[in-house]
Amino acid sequence: MSLSDKIKLLANGINPQTGETFEKGSITEKPEVIRMLFTLAEELSGSERHQAKKPKLTPEEQERRQRNIAEGKPAKSHFPWEEEERSQLASEFQKGLSVEQLSNNFERSTFAIAIQLQKMNLISEEDLELYKQH
């Protein structure tokens, strides 16, 4: 894992050595610290946006995506989150994208987006409850 990746984990409130989330009240919850860590990670990676290569979907996954769409669900409904996807989610949220915009970008429900943001301590439990009702 590169130094940039470790810094991104810190920015997401995750201990890069253990994979555990930091406790409530940690300095990593402060917006200015999160922004600074993401900025530093981008600088270390050469200021180039690294787009994760989308892994090839298995035929079963392609079928599941099509079934989700046919049922009126987001394409990636109930698909597991990749670590790079979580990092990108946090970065885009910090840049000011709304949960609804992120929902479209990541092909997931607003509630799925809100759950991930709450796990990263980027929104409160109360905010999460608002998306549960949608």
N, C-alpha and C. Protein backbone atom coordinates (compact mmCIF):
# COMPACT_ATOMS: atom_id res chain seq x y z
N MET A 1 0.85 -1.18 0.00
CA MET A 1 0.00 0.00 0.00
C MET A 1 0.90 1.23 0.00
N SER A 2 0.61 2.15 -0.91
CA SER A 2 1.43 3.35 -1.04
C SER A 2 1.12 4.33 0.10
N LEU A 3 2.02 5.29 0.27
CA LEU A 3 1.83 6.32 1.29
C LEU A 3 0.55 7.11 1.00
N SER A 4 0.31 7.39 -0.27
CA SER A 4 -0.90 8.10 -0.66
C SER A 4 -2.15 7.33 -0.23
N ASP A 5 -2.14 6.01 -0.44
CA ASP A 5 -3.29 5.18 -0.03
C ASP A 5 -3.48 5.21 1.48
N LYS A 6 -2.39 5.19 2.22
CA LYS A 6 -2.47 5.23 3.69
C LYS A 6 -3.06 6.56 4.16
N ILE A 7 -2.66 7.63 3.49
CA ILE A 7 -3.18 8.95 3.87
C ILE A 7 -4.67 9.04 3.55
N LYS A 8 -5.09 8.46 2.44
CA LYS A 8 -6.51 8.45 2.09
C LYS A 8 -7.31 7.68 3.14
N LEU A 9 -6.76 6.57 3.63
CA LEU A 9 -7.45 5.83 4.69
C LEU A 9 -7.59 6.70 5.94
N LEU A 10 -6.52 7.39 6.31
CA LEU A 10 -6.59 8.30 7.46
C LEU A 10 -7.68 9.35 7.25
N ALA A 11 -7.74 9.91 6.04
CA ALA A 11 -8.75 10.93 5.73
C ALA A 11 -10.16 10.37 5.85
N ASN A 12 -10.30 9.07 5.64
CA ASN A 12 -11.60 8.41 5.76
C ASN A 12 -11.86 7.91 7.18
N GLY A 13 -10.95 8.24 8.11
CA GLY A 13 -11.15 7.85 9.50
C GLY A 13 -10.81 6.40 9.78
N ILE A 14 -9.94 5.83 8.96
CA ILE A 14 -9.58 4.42 9.11
C ILE A 14 -8.10 4.31 9.43
N ASN A 15 -7.77 3.53 10.44
CA ASN A 15 -6.38 3.30 10.80
C ASN A 15 -5.75 2.41 9.72
N PRO A 16 -4.73 2.91 8.99
CA PRO A 16 -4.17 2.12 7.89
C PRO A 16 -3.44 0.85 8.36
N GLN A 17 -3.04 0.80 9.62
CA GLN A 17 -2.34 -0.37 10.11
C GLN A 17 -3.30 -1.48 10.53
N THR A 18 -4.44 -1.10 11.10
CA THR A 18 -5.36 -2.11 11.63
C THR A 18 -6.63 -2.25 10.81
N GLY A 19 -6.98 -1.22 10.02
CA GLY A 19 -8.22 -1.24 9.26
C GLY A 19 -9.44 -0.86 10.09
N GLU A 20 -9.22 -0.52 11.35
CA GLU A 20 -10.33 -0.14 12.22
C GLU A 20 -10.62 1.36 12.08
N THR A 21 -11.87 1.72 12.30
CA THR A 21 -12.22 3.14 12.26
C THR A 21 -11.81 3.80 13.58
N PHE A 22 -11.44 5.08 13.48
CA PHE A 22 -11.05 5.81 14.67
C PHE A 22 -12.29 6.10 15.51
N GLU A 23 -12.08 6.29 16.81
CA GLU A 23 -13.18 6.57 17.73
C GLU A 23 -13.78 7.94 17.45
N LYS A 24 -15.03 8.10 17.87
CA LYS A 24 -15.70 9.40 17.76
C LYS A 24 -14.86 10.44 18.50
N GLY A 25 -14.80 11.64 17.94
CA GLY A 25 -14.03 12.71 18.54
C GLY A 25 -12.58 12.74 18.09
N SER A 26 -12.21 11.81 17.24
CA SER A 26 -10.84 11.77 16.72
C SER A 26 -10.57 13.00 15.88
N ILE A 27 -9.33 13.41 15.82
CA ILE A 27 -8.94 14.57 15.00
C ILE A 27 -9.26 14.33 13.53
N THR A 28 -9.34 13.07 13.12
CA THR A 28 -9.63 12.76 11.71
C THR A 28 -11.08 13.05 11.34
N GLU A 29 -11.90 13.45 12.31
CA GLU A 29 -13.29 13.83 12.01
C GLU A 29 -13.42 15.31 11.64
N LYS A 30 -12.38 16.07 11.87
CA LYS A 30 -12.44 17.51 11.60
C LYS A 30 -12.35 17.75 10.10
N PRO A 31 -13.29 18.50 9.54
CA PRO A 31 -13.31 18.73 8.08
C PRO A 31 -12.00 19.29 7.54
N GLU A 32 -11.38 20.22 8.29
CA GLU A 32 -10.13 20.80 7.78
C GLU A 32 -9.00 19.76 7.74
N VAL A 33 -9.01 18.82 8.67
CA VAL A 33 -8.00 17.75 8.66
C VAL A 33 -8.27 16.79 7.50
N ILE A 34 -9.54 16.46 7.28
CA ILE A 34 -9.90 15.56 6.18
C ILE A 34 -9.48 16.18 4.85
N ARG A 35 -9.79 17.47 4.66
CA ARG A 35 -9.41 18.15 3.42
C ARG A 35 -7.90 18.16 3.23
N MET A 36 -7.17 18.45 4.32
CA MET A 36 -5.72 18.50 4.24
C MET A 36 -5.15 17.12 3.87
N LEU A 37 -5.69 16.07 4.46
CA LEU A 37 -5.18 14.73 4.16
C LEU A 37 -5.46 14.34 2.70
N PHE A 38 -6.65 14.64 2.20
CA PHE A 38 -6.95 14.33 0.80
C PHE A 38 -6.07 15.15 -0.14
N THR A 39 -5.84 16.40 0.20
CA THR A 39 -4.96 17.24 -0.62
C THR A 39 -3.55 16.68 -0.65
N LEU A 40 -3.06 16.29 0.51
CA LEU A 40 -1.73 15.71 0.61
C LEU A 40 -1.64 14.42 -0.20
N ALA A 41 -2.65 13.58 -0.10
CA ALA A 41 -2.66 12.31 -0.85
C ALA A 41 -2.62 12.58 -2.35
N GLU A 42 -3.38 13.58 -2.81
CA GLU A 42 -3.37 13.92 -4.24
C GLU A 42 -2.01 14.44 -4.68
N GLU A 43 -1.38 15.25 -3.84
CA GLU A 43 -0.05 15.78 -4.17
C GLU A 43 0.96 14.63 -4.25
N LEU A 44 0.88 13.71 -3.32
CA LEU A 44 1.82 12.59 -3.31
C LEU A 44 1.65 11.68 -4.51
N SER A 45 0.45 11.60 -5.01
CA SER A 45 0.22 10.72 -6.16
C SER A 45 0.46 11.47 -7.48
N GLY A 46 1.16 12.58 -7.41
CA GLY A 46 1.53 13.31 -8.62
C GLY A 46 0.42 14.20 -9.14
N SER A 47 -0.54 14.53 -8.29
CA SER A 47 -1.66 15.39 -8.66
C SER A 47 -2.48 14.84 -9.81
N GLU A 48 -2.27 13.60 -10.15
CA GLU A 48 -3.06 12.98 -11.21
C GLU A 48 -4.24 12.25 -10.59
N ARG A 49 -5.37 12.41 -11.19
CA ARG A 49 -6.55 11.66 -10.72
C ARG A 49 -6.40 10.23 -11.17
N HIS A 50 -6.36 9.35 -10.20
CA HIS A 50 -6.26 7.93 -10.51
C HIS A 50 -7.66 7.35 -10.56
N GLN A 51 -8.09 7.03 -11.74
CA GLN A 51 -9.38 6.37 -11.89
C GLN A 51 -9.17 4.88 -11.75
N ALA A 52 -9.90 4.29 -10.83
CA ALA A 52 -9.78 2.85 -10.63
C ALA A 52 -10.24 2.14 -11.89
N LYS A 53 -9.46 1.19 -12.31
CA LYS A 53 -9.88 0.38 -13.44
C LYS A 53 -11.07 -0.45 -13.00
N LYS A 54 -12.10 -0.38 -13.80
CA LYS A 54 -13.28 -1.15 -13.45
C LYS A 54 -13.01 -2.62 -13.74
N PRO A 55 -13.16 -3.44 -12.72
CA PRO A 55 -12.92 -4.86 -12.96
C PRO A 55 -13.97 -5.42 -13.91
N LYS A 56 -13.56 -6.39 -14.67
CA LYS A 56 -14.50 -7.07 -15.57
C LYS A 56 -15.56 -7.75 -14.71
N LEU A 57 -16.78 -7.55 -15.11
CA LEU A 57 -17.87 -8.21 -14.39
C LEU A 57 -18.04 -9.63 -14.90
N THR A 58 -18.33 -10.51 -13.97
CA THR A 58 -18.63 -11.88 -14.36
C THR A 58 -19.99 -11.88 -15.04
N PRO A 59 -20.31 -12.91 -15.79
CA PRO A 59 -21.65 -12.98 -16.40
C PRO A 59 -22.76 -12.90 -15.35
N GLU A 60 -22.53 -13.50 -14.18
CA GLU A 60 -23.54 -13.44 -13.12
C GLU A 60 -23.73 -12.01 -12.62
N GLU A 61 -22.61 -11.27 -12.49
CA GLU A 61 -22.71 -9.89 -12.04
C GLU A 61 -23.38 -9.01 -13.09
N GLN A 62 -23.07 -9.25 -14.36
CA GLN A 62 -23.73 -8.50 -15.43
C GLN A 62 -25.23 -8.77 -15.42
N GLU A 63 -25.60 -10.02 -15.21
CA GLU A 63 -27.02 -10.38 -15.15
C GLU A 63 -27.69 -9.71 -13.95
N ARG A 64 -26.99 -9.70 -12.80
CA ARG A 64 -27.55 -9.09 -11.60
C ARG A 64 -27.75 -7.58 -11.80
N ARG A 65 -26.79 -6.93 -12.45
CA ARG A 65 -26.94 -5.50 -12.75
C ARG A 65 -28.17 -5.26 -13.62
N GLN A 66 -28.32 -6.07 -14.67
CA GLN A 66 -29.47 -5.93 -15.57
C GLN A 66 -30.78 -6.18 -14.82
N ARG A 67 -30.79 -7.16 -13.94
CA ARG A 67 -31.99 -7.47 -13.15
C ARG A 67 -32.32 -6.29 -12.23
N ASN A 68 -31.29 -5.71 -11.59
CA ASN A 68 -31.51 -4.55 -10.73
C ASN A 68 -32.16 -3.42 -11.51
N ILE A 69 -31.63 -3.13 -12.69
CA ILE A 69 -32.16 -2.05 -13.52
C ILE A 69 -33.61 -2.35 -13.93
N ALA A 70 -33.86 -3.60 -14.33
CA ALA A 70 -35.21 -4.00 -14.73
C ALA A 70 -36.21 -3.85 -13.58
N GLU A 71 -35.72 -4.05 -12.35
CA GLU A 71 -36.58 -3.94 -11.17
C GLU A 71 -36.67 -2.51 -10.65
N GLY A 72 -36.03 -1.56 -11.36
CA GLY A 72 -36.08 -0.17 -10.95
C GLY A 72 -35.11 0.18 -9.83
N LYS A 73 -34.13 -0.67 -9.60
CA LYS A 73 -33.12 -0.42 -8.57
C LYS A 73 -31.86 0.13 -9.23
N PRO A 74 -31.00 0.77 -8.43
CA PRO A 74 -29.71 1.19 -9.00
C PRO A 74 -28.92 -0.04 -9.47
N ALA A 75 -28.12 0.13 -10.52
CA ALA A 75 -27.40 -1.00 -11.12
C ALA A 75 -26.53 -1.74 -10.13
N LYS A 76 -25.92 -1.02 -9.20
CA LYS A 76 -24.99 -1.66 -8.26
C LYS A 76 -25.64 -1.97 -6.91
N SER A 77 -26.95 -2.04 -6.89
CA SER A 77 -27.67 -2.36 -5.66
C SER A 77 -27.20 -3.71 -5.13
N HIS A 78 -26.79 -3.72 -3.88
CA HIS A 78 -26.32 -4.93 -3.17
C HIS A 78 -25.00 -5.49 -3.69
N PHE A 79 -24.23 -4.67 -4.43
CA PHE A 79 -22.88 -5.06 -4.81
C PHE A 79 -21.95 -4.60 -3.69
N PRO A 80 -20.89 -5.34 -3.40
CA PRO A 80 -19.95 -4.89 -2.36
C PRO A 80 -19.20 -3.64 -2.78
N TRP A 81 -18.77 -2.86 -1.80
CA TRP A 81 -17.99 -1.65 -2.06
C TRP A 81 -16.52 -2.00 -2.13
N GLU A 82 -15.83 -1.45 -3.12
CA GLU A 82 -14.37 -1.58 -3.22
C GLU A 82 -13.75 -0.44 -2.41
N GLU A 83 -12.56 -0.67 -1.86
CA GLU A 83 -11.90 0.36 -1.06
C GLU A 83 -11.65 1.63 -1.87
N GLU A 84 -11.22 1.49 -3.11
CA GLU A 84 -10.98 2.67 -3.95
C GLU A 84 -12.28 3.44 -4.20
N GLU A 85 -13.37 2.71 -4.29
CA GLU A 85 -14.68 3.34 -4.50
C GLU A 85 -15.06 4.15 -3.26
N ARG A 86 -14.81 3.61 -2.07
CA ARG A 86 -15.09 4.35 -0.83
C ARG A 86 -14.26 5.63 -0.76
N SER A 87 -12.99 5.49 -1.11
CA SER A 87 -12.10 6.65 -1.08
C SER A 87 -12.58 7.73 -2.04
N GLN A 88 -12.98 7.33 -3.23
CA GLN A 88 -13.49 8.28 -4.23
C GLN A 88 -14.79 8.91 -3.73
N LEU A 89 -15.64 8.12 -3.08
CA LEU A 89 -16.90 8.63 -2.52
C LEU A 89 -16.61 9.74 -1.51
N ALA A 90 -15.69 9.48 -0.59
CA ALA A 90 -15.36 10.48 0.42
C ALA A 90 -14.80 11.74 -0.22
N SER A 91 -13.94 11.57 -1.19
CA SER A 91 -13.33 12.71 -1.86
C SER A 91 -14.38 13.56 -2.57
N GLU A 92 -15.28 12.93 -3.29
CA GLU A 92 -16.31 13.67 -4.02
C GLU A 92 -17.29 14.34 -3.06
N PHE A 93 -17.60 13.67 -1.93
CA PHE A 93 -18.48 14.28 -0.94
C PHE A 93 -17.82 15.52 -0.34
N GLN A 94 -16.52 15.41 -0.06
CA GLN A 94 -15.78 16.55 0.50
C GLN A 94 -15.72 17.72 -0.49
N LYS A 95 -15.80 17.43 -1.77
CA LYS A 95 -15.78 18.48 -2.78
C LYS A 95 -17.15 19.14 -2.95
N GLY A 96 -18.15 18.64 -2.23
CA GLY A 96 -19.45 19.29 -2.23
C GLY A 96 -20.55 18.62 -3.01
N LEU A 97 -20.30 17.43 -3.57
CA LEU A 97 -21.37 16.74 -4.29
C LEU A 97 -22.43 16.26 -3.28
N SER A 98 -23.68 16.36 -3.68
CA SER A 98 -24.77 15.93 -2.80
C SER A 98 -24.89 14.41 -2.80
N VAL A 99 -25.59 13.90 -1.83
CA VAL A 99 -25.83 12.45 -1.74
C VAL A 99 -26.57 11.98 -2.99
N GLU A 100 -27.49 12.79 -3.49
CA GLU A 100 -28.23 12.42 -4.69
C GLU A 100 -27.30 12.34 -5.91
N GLN A 101 -26.40 13.30 -6.04
CA GLN A 101 -25.44 13.28 -7.16
C GLN A 101 -24.53 12.05 -7.03
N LEU A 102 -24.08 11.78 -5.82
CA LEU A 102 -23.22 10.62 -5.59
C LEU A 102 -23.96 9.33 -5.90
N SER A 103 -25.24 9.30 -5.58
CA SER A 103 -26.07 8.13 -5.86
C SER A 103 -26.06 7.83 -7.35
N ASN A 104 -26.22 8.87 -8.16
CA ASN A 104 -26.18 8.69 -9.62
C ASN A 104 -24.81 8.28 -10.10
N ASN A 105 -23.77 8.94 -9.59
CA ASN A 105 -22.40 8.66 -10.03
C ASN A 105 -21.96 7.23 -9.70
N PHE A 106 -22.37 6.74 -8.54
CA PHE A 106 -21.92 5.42 -8.08
C PHE A 106 -22.94 4.31 -8.37
N GLU A 107 -24.06 4.68 -8.99
CA GLU A 107 -25.10 3.72 -9.34
C GLU A 107 -25.59 2.93 -8.12
N ARG A 108 -25.83 3.67 -7.04
CA ARG A 108 -26.31 3.07 -5.79
C ARG A 108 -27.42 3.96 -5.22
N SER A 109 -28.18 3.43 -4.29
CA SER A 109 -29.26 4.20 -3.69
C SER A 109 -28.70 5.30 -2.80
N THR A 110 -29.51 6.32 -2.54
CA THR A 110 -29.08 7.39 -1.64
C THR A 110 -28.82 6.83 -0.25
N PHE A 111 -29.60 5.84 0.17
CA PHE A 111 -29.38 5.23 1.49
C PHE A 111 -28.05 4.49 1.54
N ALA A 112 -27.69 3.77 0.46
CA ALA A 112 -26.40 3.07 0.42
C ALA A 112 -25.25 4.07 0.49
N ILE A 113 -25.40 5.19 -0.19
CA ILE A 113 -24.38 6.24 -0.15
C ILE A 113 -24.29 6.80 1.27
N ALA A 114 -25.44 7.10 1.86
CA ALA A 114 -25.47 7.68 3.21
C ALA A 114 -24.86 6.72 4.23
N ILE A 115 -25.10 5.43 4.09
CA ILE A 115 -24.51 4.44 5.01
C ILE A 115 -22.99 4.53 4.96
N GLN A 116 -22.44 4.56 3.75
CA GLN A 116 -20.97 4.62 3.62
C GLN A 116 -20.44 5.93 4.19
N LEU A 117 -21.11 7.04 3.92
CA LEU A 117 -20.66 8.32 4.44
C LEU A 117 -20.72 8.34 5.97
N GLN A 118 -21.73 7.73 6.54
CA GLN A 118 -21.84 7.68 8.00
C GLN A 118 -20.75 6.78 8.58
N LYS A 119 -20.45 5.67 7.92
CA LYS A 119 -19.37 4.78 8.39
C LYS A 119 -18.03 5.50 8.40
N MET A 120 -17.86 6.48 7.48
CA MET A 120 -16.63 7.25 7.41
C MET A 120 -16.71 8.51 8.27
N ASN A 121 -17.80 8.63 9.05
CA ASN A 121 -18.04 9.78 9.92
C ASN A 121 -18.09 11.10 9.16
N LEU A 122 -18.61 11.05 7.94
CA LEU A 122 -18.75 12.26 7.14
C LEU A 122 -20.15 12.85 7.25
N ILE A 123 -21.10 12.04 7.72
CA ILE A 123 -22.44 12.54 8.06
C ILE A 123 -22.81 11.92 9.41
N SER A 124 -23.77 12.52 10.06
CA SER A 124 -24.19 12.05 11.39
C SER A 124 -25.22 10.93 11.27
N GLU A 125 -25.45 10.27 12.40
CA GLU A 125 -26.48 9.23 12.47
C GLU A 125 -27.85 9.83 12.13
N GLU A 126 -28.06 11.08 12.56
CA GLU A 126 -29.34 11.75 12.28
C GLU A 126 -29.51 11.96 10.78
N ASP A 127 -28.42 12.37 10.11
CA ASP A 127 -28.49 12.54 8.66
C ASP A 127 -28.79 11.21 7.97
N LEU A 128 -28.17 10.15 8.47
CA LEU A 128 -28.41 8.82 7.91
C LEU A 128 -29.88 8.46 8.01
N GLU A 129 -30.49 8.76 9.12
CA GLU A 129 -31.91 8.45 9.33
C GLU A 129 -32.79 9.16 8.30
N LEU A 130 -32.41 10.36 7.90
CA LEU A 130 -33.18 11.09 6.89
C LEU A 130 -33.20 10.33 5.57
N TYR A 131 -32.09 9.72 5.21
CA TYR A 131 -32.02 8.98 3.94
C TYR A 131 -32.67 7.62 4.05
N LYS A 132 -32.84 7.12 5.25
CA LYS A 132 -33.50 5.83 5.45
C LYS A 132 -34.96 5.93 5.04
N GLN A 133 -35.53 7.12 5.19
CA GLN A 133 -36.94 7.31 4.90
C GLN A 133 -37.21 7.50 3.42
N HIS A 134 -36.17 7.73 2.60
CA HIS A 134 -36.37 7.95 1.16
C HIS A 134 -36.65 6.68 0.44
